Amino acid sequence: MEKTSNRFTVRRLAVTGLLSALVFVFSWIQIPIGEVARIHLGNVFCALSGLLFGPLTGGLASGFGSMLFDFTNPLYIAESWITFITKFFIGFLAGLIAHRSGNISLGRDVLGASVGSVTYVALYLLKSFIMKFYIEGQALGAVQTQLVTKGVTSLINAVLAVVVSVLLAKAVRPALRKAGILSD
C-alpha cells in the first residue's frame, strides 16, 4: 500500500484506524512490574503496522493507538503527545527498513522491528530521565533505580515486539496480499 501512492486515501485511513485500534487494545494486555513498568503487547502491533503497511501508516497507527491508550489514564494524559512521538518511531522505522528496497524479506523485517523497538526504548528512557530528574526533581539515585526497572521491562517488550511482529507479518502477509490489501 505504501509504495503505490503517497496520498492519504480512504483505504489508508481505514487501515491506519484499524491498526491504531489494535495497538490500543493490545496495550491493555499487560503484566505490571512494580509501580513503574509493565510488559505489554502494544509494541508488537506498533512494529507489525510498519512491517505490513510501511513507514507512514505504521508510524501513525503506532502513535495514535498508543496515545489513545494514554488518554485512558489520568497519569499519562499530559505526556500523551510524547507517547505519540516516541511510539511513532517503532512503526515508522520498522516500515522504513522493511520496505526500503521494495523487496520484503525476513532479514529486513527483523532489522526494521529491532531498530524501531530499540529506538523507542532509548527515547522512552531519555524522556523518563528528563521527567524524573529535571522536571520532578527526584534524586539521581532514585531516578537511576527507576530507569533500570523501566529499561529491563522495555527491553523485554522490545524483544517480544520483534519476535511476535516478525512471526505475525510472515503469517498474515500472504492472506493480505491475496485479499488485495497489500501491494508490496
Protein backbone atom coordinates (compact mmCIF):
# COMPACT_ATOMS: atom_id res chain seq x y z
CA MET A 1 0.00 0.00 0.00
CA GLU A 2 2.74 2.45 0.95
CA LYS A 3 4.57 2.23 -2.40
CA THR A 4 1.64 2.73 -4.74
CA SER A 5 0.67 6.19 -3.53
CA ASN A 6 1.82 8.87 -1.17
CA ARG A 7 -1.73 10.21 -0.91
CA PHE A 8 -3.73 9.57 2.19
CA THR A 9 -6.62 7.57 0.71
CA VAL A 10 -9.80 6.37 2.38
CA ARG A 11 -8.32 2.85 2.39
CA ARG A 12 -5.15 4.05 4.10
CA LEU A 13 -7.25 5.96 6.65
CA ALA A 14 -9.29 2.82 7.37
CA VAL A 15 -6.17 0.64 7.71
CA THR A 16 -4.50 3.22 9.97
CA GLY A 17 -7.62 3.36 12.15
CA LEU A 18 -7.83 -0.42 12.41
CA LEU A 19 -4.14 -0.75 13.25
CA SER A 20 -4.42 2.07 15.81
CA ALA A 21 -7.26 0.16 17.44
CA LEU A 22 -5.13 -2.99 17.57
CA VAL A 23 -2.25 -1.07 19.19
CA PHE A 24 -4.70 0.41 21.71
CA VAL A 25 -6.37 -2.90 22.59
CA PHE A 26 -3.16 -4.88 22.85
CA SER A 27 -1.61 -2.21 25.08
CA TRP A 28 -4.19 -3.34 27.65
CA ILE A 29 -2.88 -6.91 27.63
CA GLN A 30 -0.18 -6.39 30.21
CA ILE A 31 1.71 -7.66 33.22
CA PRO A 32 2.58 -4.89 35.72
CA ILE A 33 6.15 -4.88 37.01
CA GLY A 34 6.13 -3.00 40.30
CA GLU A 35 4.76 0.53 40.21
CA VAL A 36 6.83 1.88 37.34
CA ALA A 37 6.72 -0.56 34.43
CA ARG A 38 4.69 -3.18 32.57
CA ILE A 39 5.15 -5.85 29.95
CA HIS A 40 2.52 -5.50 27.21
CA LEU A 41 1.69 -6.44 23.63
CA GLY A 42 1.05 -2.94 22.23
CA ASN A 43 4.55 -2.61 20.79
CA VAL A 44 4.05 -5.85 18.86
CA PHE A 45 1.32 -4.17 16.84
CA CYS A 46 3.32 -0.96 16.50
CA ALA A 47 6.09 -2.90 14.77
CA LEU A 48 3.64 -5.09 12.82
CA SER A 49 1.90 -1.98 11.44
CA GLY A 50 5.14 -0.76 9.92
CA LEU A 51 6.23 -4.17 8.67
CA LEU A 52 2.97 -4.71 6.83
CA PHE A 53 2.00 -1.23 5.64
CA GLY A 54 5.17 0.83 5.56
CA PRO A 55 6.54 3.82 7.45
CA LEU A 56 3.74 6.38 7.26
CA THR A 57 0.83 4.10 8.04
CA GLY A 58 2.90 2.16 10.59
CA GLY A 59 4.12 5.28 12.36
CA LEU A 60 0.70 6.91 12.52
CA ALA A 61 -1.02 3.74 13.73
CA SER A 62 1.66 3.26 16.41
CA GLY A 63 1.47 6.84 17.59
CA PHE A 64 -2.31 7.21 17.59
CA GLY A 65 -3.05 3.84 19.17
CA SER A 66 -0.52 4.42 21.96
CA MET A 67 -1.65 8.00 22.51
CA LEU A 68 -5.26 6.83 22.82
CA PHE A 69 -4.15 4.33 25.44
CA ASP A 70 -2.58 7.21 27.39
CA PHE A 71 -5.92 9.05 27.25
CA THR A 72 -7.45 6.29 29.39
CA ASN A 73 -5.22 7.01 32.39
CA PRO A 74 -5.10 10.45 34.06
CA LEU A 75 -1.44 9.84 34.96
CA TYR A 76 -0.48 9.56 31.27
CA ILE A 77 -2.69 12.20 29.60
CA ALA A 78 -0.22 15.08 29.96
CA GLU A 79 2.52 13.03 28.28
CA SER A 80 0.32 11.56 25.53
CA TRP A 81 1.87 13.80 22.87
CA ILE A 82 5.32 12.50 23.83
CA THR A 83 3.99 8.95 23.60
CA PHE A 84 2.70 9.70 20.10
CA ILE A 85 6.17 10.82 19.01
CA THR A 86 8.17 8.03 20.67
CA LYS A 87 5.83 5.20 19.61
CA PHE A 88 5.59 6.65 16.09
CA PHE A 89 9.23 5.66 15.64
CA ILE A 90 8.54 1.95 16.20
CA GLY A 91 6.17 1.64 13.25
CA PHE A 92 7.91 4.26 11.13
CA LEU A 93 11.40 2.74 11.37
CA ALA A 94 10.12 -0.83 11.09
CA GLY A 95 8.28 0.13 7.91
CA LEU A 96 11.08 2.26 6.51
CA ILE A 97 13.64 -0.53 6.81
CA ALA A 98 11.33 -3.42 5.85
CA HIS A 99 10.09 -1.62 2.73
CA ARG A 100 13.35 0.15 1.81
CA SER A 101 14.31 -1.61 -1.40
CA GLY A 102 10.87 -2.88 -2.30
CA ASN A 103 11.90 -6.45 -1.52
CA ILE A 104 10.34 -7.61 1.72
CA SER A 105 12.44 -10.26 3.49
CA LEU A 106 12.70 -11.90 6.87
CA GLY A 107 16.04 -10.17 7.47
CA ARG A 108 14.60 -6.73 6.72
CA ASP A 109 11.62 -7.44 8.95
CA VAL A 110 13.87 -8.43 11.85
CA LEU A 111 16.16 -5.43 11.32
CA GLY A 112 13.25 -2.99 10.95
CA ALA A 113 11.38 -4.23 14.02
CA SER A 114 14.64 -4.26 16.01
CA VAL A 115 15.71 -0.74 15.04
CA GLY A 116 12.21 0.63 15.68
CA SER A 117 11.95 -1.07 19.07
CA VAL A 118 15.44 -0.13 20.28
CA THR A 119 14.93 3.47 19.16
CA TYR A 120 11.71 3.58 21.16
CA VAL A 121 13.47 2.19 24.27
CA ALA A 122 16.19 4.84 24.01
CA LEU A 123 13.66 7.66 23.55
CA TYR A 124 11.46 6.36 26.38
CA LEU A 125 14.39 6.15 28.81
CA LEU A 126 15.58 9.63 27.80
CA LYS A 127 12.07 11.03 28.35
CA SER A 128 11.84 9.24 31.71
CA PHE A 129 15.19 10.62 32.84
CA ILE A 130 14.28 14.18 31.86
CA MET A 131 10.86 13.96 33.53
CA LYS A 132 12.06 12.34 36.76
CA PHE A 133 15.32 14.24 37.25
CA TYR A 134 14.79 17.68 35.74
CA ILE A 135 11.05 18.22 35.97
CA GLU A 136 10.10 16.25 39.10
CA GLY A 137 13.44 16.94 40.80
CA GLN A 138 13.99 13.40 42.07
CA ALA A 139 17.39 12.40 43.39
CA LEU A 140 19.73 10.94 40.78
CA GLY A 141 19.97 7.59 42.61
CA ALA A 142 16.19 7.22 42.71
CA VAL A 143 15.94 8.07 39.02
CA GLN A 144 18.66 5.57 38.12
CA THR A 145 16.88 2.82 40.06
CA GLN A 146 13.61 3.52 38.23
CA LEU A 147 15.41 3.64 34.88
CA VAL A 148 16.91 0.19 35.47
CA THR A 149 13.45 -1.31 36.05
CA LYS A 150 11.98 0.60 33.10
CA GLY A 151 14.94 -0.34 30.93
CA VAL A 152 14.68 -4.06 31.67
CA THR A 153 10.93 -4.20 31.06
CA SER A 154 11.26 -2.02 27.95
CA LEU A 155 13.89 -4.37 26.54
CA ILE A 156 11.62 -7.35 27.27
CA ASN A 157 8.82 -5.50 25.44
CA ALA A 158 11.23 -4.79 22.57
CA VAL A 159 12.27 -8.44 22.20
CA LEU A 160 8.63 -9.51 22.41
CA ALA A 161 7.71 -6.91 19.77
CA VAL A 162 10.44 -8.06 17.37
CA VAL A 163 9.79 -11.79 17.68
CA VAL A 164 5.99 -11.70 17.60
CA SER A 165 5.61 -8.95 14.96
CA VAL A 166 8.00 -10.68 12.57
CA LEU A 167 6.20 -14.01 13.00
CA LEU A 168 2.78 -12.37 12.56
CA ALA A 169 3.95 -10.44 9.49
CA LYS A 170 5.20 -13.66 7.90
CA ALA A 171 1.92 -15.41 8.74
CA VAL A 172 -0.57 -12.75 7.56
CA ARG A 173 1.20 -11.21 4.53
CA PRO A 174 0.07 -13.93 2.10
CA ALA A 175 -3.58 -13.58 3.12
CA LEU A 176 -3.44 -9.76 2.98
CA ARG A 177 -1.86 -9.92 -0.49
CA LYS A 178 -4.49 -12.40 -1.68
CA ALA A 179 -7.24 -10.10 -0.37
CA GLY A 180 -5.70 -7.17 -2.26
CA ILE A 181 -4.94 -5.23 0.91
CA LEU A 182 -1.15 -5.34 0.48
CA SER A 183 0.56 -4.39 -2.73
CA ASP A 184 4.21 -4.99 -1.78
